[in-house]
Amino acid sequence: MSQITRSWLAFAAMGAGVIHLGVAPGTAIPAAVVLGVLGLAEFAWGVGVLARNRFLMPRVALVGAFAPVIGWGFALLAAVAFDNPELASAFGAFPMAVASFFNLVIAAVLGADRRRTATVSSGSAVRAPKPRRQAPACLYLTGLMVGALAVSMLTTPALAATGAGINNPHANHGELDLPEQHHH
């Protein structure tokens, strides 16, 4: 797996973590604790992947990537089953959809990498994988920038749609505070 792909997954994990941390304050205390712990774990995993340039605890990360998606799915099902739309609306559809997208991408890539590694180590591969060369610095930095911009383009509006973004007294929310112009 390339350095750039690992970096993108790290950014996605940090984006999902920040979103889960932003959603947590608007939910009931048990859900807030779970989302808070999950958000911190996702963020820490992303930072660790960037720092170590390898996937940390890939099996745990794979399960951890699916857990919030499954949990949100159960919350939506419970809201429908108990005819309680407030249950689902506390999480915010857009922020949770963006975080779930990030988590599903992480799970898919980790699952594919795990499968590829298992195939190579079991000897059922037809040929040994080629050793990877490191990308040139300019290509790596360009890939890093593209990944960071892509994740931030999704994470920023998702965070703005959470309780943390809506209740921020310093947020603009579309109102411009322009200085008054005095004409003499």
Protein backbone atom coordinates (compact mmCIF):
# COMPACT_ATOMS: atom_id res chain seq x y z
CA MET A 1 0.00 0.00 0.00
CA SER A 2 1.37 3.41 -0.89
CA GLN A 3 2.32 6.09 1.58
CA ILE A 4 -0.22 8.41 0.01
CA THR A 5 -3.08 5.94 0.47
CA ARG A 6 -2.13 5.39 4.10
CA SER A 7 -2.06 9.15 4.60
CA TRP A 8 -5.50 9.55 3.06
CA LEU A 9 -6.89 6.89 5.38
CA ALA A 10 -5.27 8.63 8.34
CA PHE A 11 -6.93 11.90 7.31
CA ALA A 12 -10.26 10.10 6.91
CA ALA A 13 -9.92 8.62 10.41
CA MET A 14 -9.12 12.02 11.88
CA GLY A 15 -12.07 13.55 10.02
CA ALA A 16 -14.44 10.86 11.30
CA GLY A 17 -13.04 11.29 14.80
CA VAL A 18 -13.54 15.04 14.81
CA ILE A 19 -17.09 14.63 13.48
CA HIS A 20 -17.93 12.06 16.16
CA LEU A 21 -16.54 14.43 18.79
CA GLY A 22 -18.70 17.21 17.34
CA VAL A 23 -21.86 15.07 17.33
CA ALA A 24 -21.34 13.74 20.88
CA PRO A 25 -22.48 16.83 22.85
CA GLY A 26 -25.90 16.81 21.17
CA THR A 27 -26.72 13.24 22.17
CA ALA A 28 -27.77 11.49 25.37
CA ILE A 29 -24.98 10.88 27.88
CA PRO A 30 -24.37 7.19 27.05
CA ALA A 31 -24.19 7.93 23.32
CA ALA A 32 -22.02 10.99 23.98
CA VAL A 33 -19.53 8.90 25.97
CA VAL A 34 -19.38 6.24 23.24
CA LEU A 35 -19.00 8.84 20.48
CA GLY A 36 -16.38 10.72 22.50
CA VAL A 37 -14.25 7.63 23.11
CA LEU A 38 -14.70 6.53 19.52
CA GLY A 39 -13.81 9.98 18.19
CA LEU A 40 -10.66 10.15 20.29
CA ALA A 41 -9.65 6.63 19.21
CA GLU A 42 -10.22 7.43 15.51
CA PHE A 43 -8.24 10.65 15.77
CA ALA A 44 -5.39 8.95 17.66
CA TRP A 45 -5.29 6.11 15.12
CA GLY A 46 -5.04 8.61 12.26
CA VAL A 47 -2.20 10.50 13.95
CA GLY A 48 -0.45 7.19 14.71
CA VAL A 49 -0.70 6.06 11.09
CA LEU A 50 0.80 9.35 9.91
CA ALA A 51 3.57 9.18 12.51
CA ARG A 52 4.50 5.51 11.98
CA ASN A 53 3.71 5.29 8.24
CA ARG A 54 1.94 1.96 8.75
CA PHE A 55 -1.46 0.77 9.86
CA LEU A 56 -1.65 0.42 13.62
CA MET A 57 -3.63 -2.54 14.98
CA PRO A 58 -5.32 -3.22 11.62
CA ARG A 59 -7.77 -5.83 12.98
CA VAL A 60 -8.93 -3.56 15.78
CA ALA A 61 -9.10 -0.62 13.37
CA LEU A 62 -11.22 -2.67 10.96
CA VAL A 63 -13.74 -3.45 13.71
CA GLY A 64 -13.52 0.13 14.96
CA ALA A 65 -14.33 1.47 11.51
CA PHE A 66 -17.50 -0.62 11.30
CA ALA A 67 -18.68 0.00 14.88
CA PRO A 68 -19.98 3.58 14.48
CA VAL A 69 -21.68 2.76 11.19
CA ILE A 70 -23.48 -0.21 12.77
CA GLY A 71 -24.30 1.82 15.89
CA TRP A 72 -25.79 4.65 13.84
CA GLY A 73 -27.77 2.09 11.81
CA PHE A 74 -29.21 0.65 15.03
CA ALA A 75 -30.14 4.15 16.23
CA LEU A 76 -31.99 4.79 12.96
CA LEU A 77 -33.76 1.43 13.18
CA ALA A 78 -34.74 2.10 16.80
CA ALA A 79 -36.10 5.51 15.83
CA VAL A 80 -38.30 3.91 13.19
CA ALA A 81 -39.30 0.90 15.32
CA PHE A 82 -40.26 3.03 18.33
CA ASP A 83 -41.69 5.88 16.23
CA ASN A 84 -39.29 8.28 17.92
CA PRO A 85 -37.68 10.58 15.32
CA GLU A 86 -35.88 12.56 18.03
CA LEU A 87 -33.71 9.52 18.66
CA ALA A 88 -32.27 9.64 15.16
CA SER A 89 -32.24 13.41 14.78
CA ALA A 90 -29.97 13.82 17.82
CA PHE A 91 -27.12 12.38 15.76
CA GLY A 92 -27.51 14.60 12.70
CA ALA A 93 -27.91 12.83 9.38
CA PHE A 94 -25.31 14.76 7.38
CA PRO A 95 -22.45 14.61 9.90
CA MET A 96 -23.03 10.93 10.62
CA ALA A 97 -23.28 10.15 6.89
CA VAL A 98 -19.92 11.83 6.25
CA ALA A 99 -18.29 10.06 9.21
CA SER A 100 -19.83 6.76 8.06
CA PHE A 101 -18.48 7.34 4.55
CA PHE A 102 -14.99 7.85 5.98
CA ASN A 103 -15.32 4.76 8.18
CA LEU A 104 -16.55 2.58 5.32
CA VAL A 105 -13.66 3.68 3.10
CA ILE A 106 -11.22 2.88 5.92
CA ALA A 107 -12.86 -0.52 6.48
CA ALA A 108 -12.82 -1.36 2.77
CA VAL A 109 -9.15 -0.50 2.32
CA LEU A 110 -8.10 -2.22 5.55
CA GLY A 111 -10.11 -5.30 4.58
CA ALA A 112 -8.56 -5.39 1.11
CA ASP A 113 -5.07 -4.90 2.54
CA ARG A 114 -5.66 -7.64 5.10
CA ARG A 115 -6.90 -9.99 2.40
CA ARG A 116 -3.94 -9.20 0.16
CA THR A 117 -1.52 -9.78 3.05
CA ALA A 118 -3.20 -13.08 3.94
CA THR A 119 -3.06 -14.25 0.32
CA VAL A 120 0.64 -13.44 0.00
CA SER A 121 1.56 -15.02 3.34
CA SER A 122 -0.42 -18.22 2.68
CA GLY A 123 1.58 -18.88 -0.46
CA SER A 124 -1.46 -18.94 -2.72
CA ALA A 125 -0.25 -15.90 -4.60
CA VAL A 126 1.07 -16.65 -8.07
CA ARG A 127 4.02 -14.30 -7.67
CA ALA A 128 5.59 -12.34 -4.87
CA PRO A 129 4.59 -8.70 -4.66
CA LYS A 130 7.05 -6.21 -6.07
CA PRO A 131 8.89 -4.12 -3.52
CA ARG A 132 7.38 -0.66 -3.41
CA ARG A 133 9.46 2.35 -4.19
CA GLN A 134 8.86 5.50 -2.24
CA ALA A 135 7.07 8.21 -4.16
CA PRO A 136 9.15 11.28 -5.03
CA ALA A 137 8.77 14.01 -2.41
CA CYS A 138 6.83 16.36 -4.70
CA LEU A 139 4.35 13.61 -5.62
CA TYR A 140 3.96 12.57 -1.99
CA LEU A 141 3.36 16.17 -0.87
CA THR A 142 0.89 16.74 -3.68
CA GLY A 143 -0.96 13.55 -2.74
CA LEU A 144 -0.90 14.58 0.91
CA MET A 145 -2.36 17.98 0.06
CA VAL A 146 -5.08 16.52 -2.19
CA GLY A 147 -6.12 14.05 0.52
CA ALA A 148 -6.16 16.71 3.23
CA LEU A 149 -8.24 19.04 1.06
CA ALA A 150 -10.71 16.30 0.12
CA VAL A 151 -11.24 15.26 3.74
CA SER A 152 -11.50 18.85 4.93
CA MET A 153 -14.05 19.66 2.21
CA LEU A 154 -16.33 17.00 3.68
CA THR A 155 -15.42 17.40 7.35
CA THR A 156 -15.90 21.17 7.62
CA PRO A 157 -19.58 21.30 6.56
CA ALA A 158 -20.28 18.14 8.56
CA LEU A 159 -18.84 19.78 11.67
CA ALA A 160 -20.84 22.93 10.99
CA ALA A 161 -24.00 20.80 11.00
CA THR A 162 -23.27 19.36 14.47
CA GLY A 163 -24.32 20.93 17.73
CA ALA A 164 -20.74 22.08 18.19
CA GLY A 165 -20.89 24.01 14.92
CA ILE A 166 -24.40 25.39 15.26
CA ASN A 167 -23.96 26.58 18.85
CA ASN A 168 -20.57 28.19 18.26
CA PRO A 169 -20.94 31.88 19.19
CA HIS A 170 -18.01 32.74 16.92
CA ALA A 171 -19.38 31.02 13.84
CA ASN A 172 -20.67 33.23 11.05
CA HIS A 173 -23.58 31.10 9.73
CA GLY A 174 -24.02 33.21 6.64
CA GLU A 175 -24.31 36.61 8.28
CA LEU A 176 -21.71 39.13 7.29
CA ASP A 177 -20.59 41.66 9.86
CA LEU A 178 -19.37 44.43 7.63
CA PRO A 179 -18.09 47.68 9.07
CA GLU A 180 -20.38 50.59 8.40
CA GLN A 181 -19.22 52.94 5.71
CA HIS A 182 -19.57 56.63 6.47
CA HIS A 183 -19.69 58.95 3.50
CA HIS A 184 -18.72 62.55 4.08
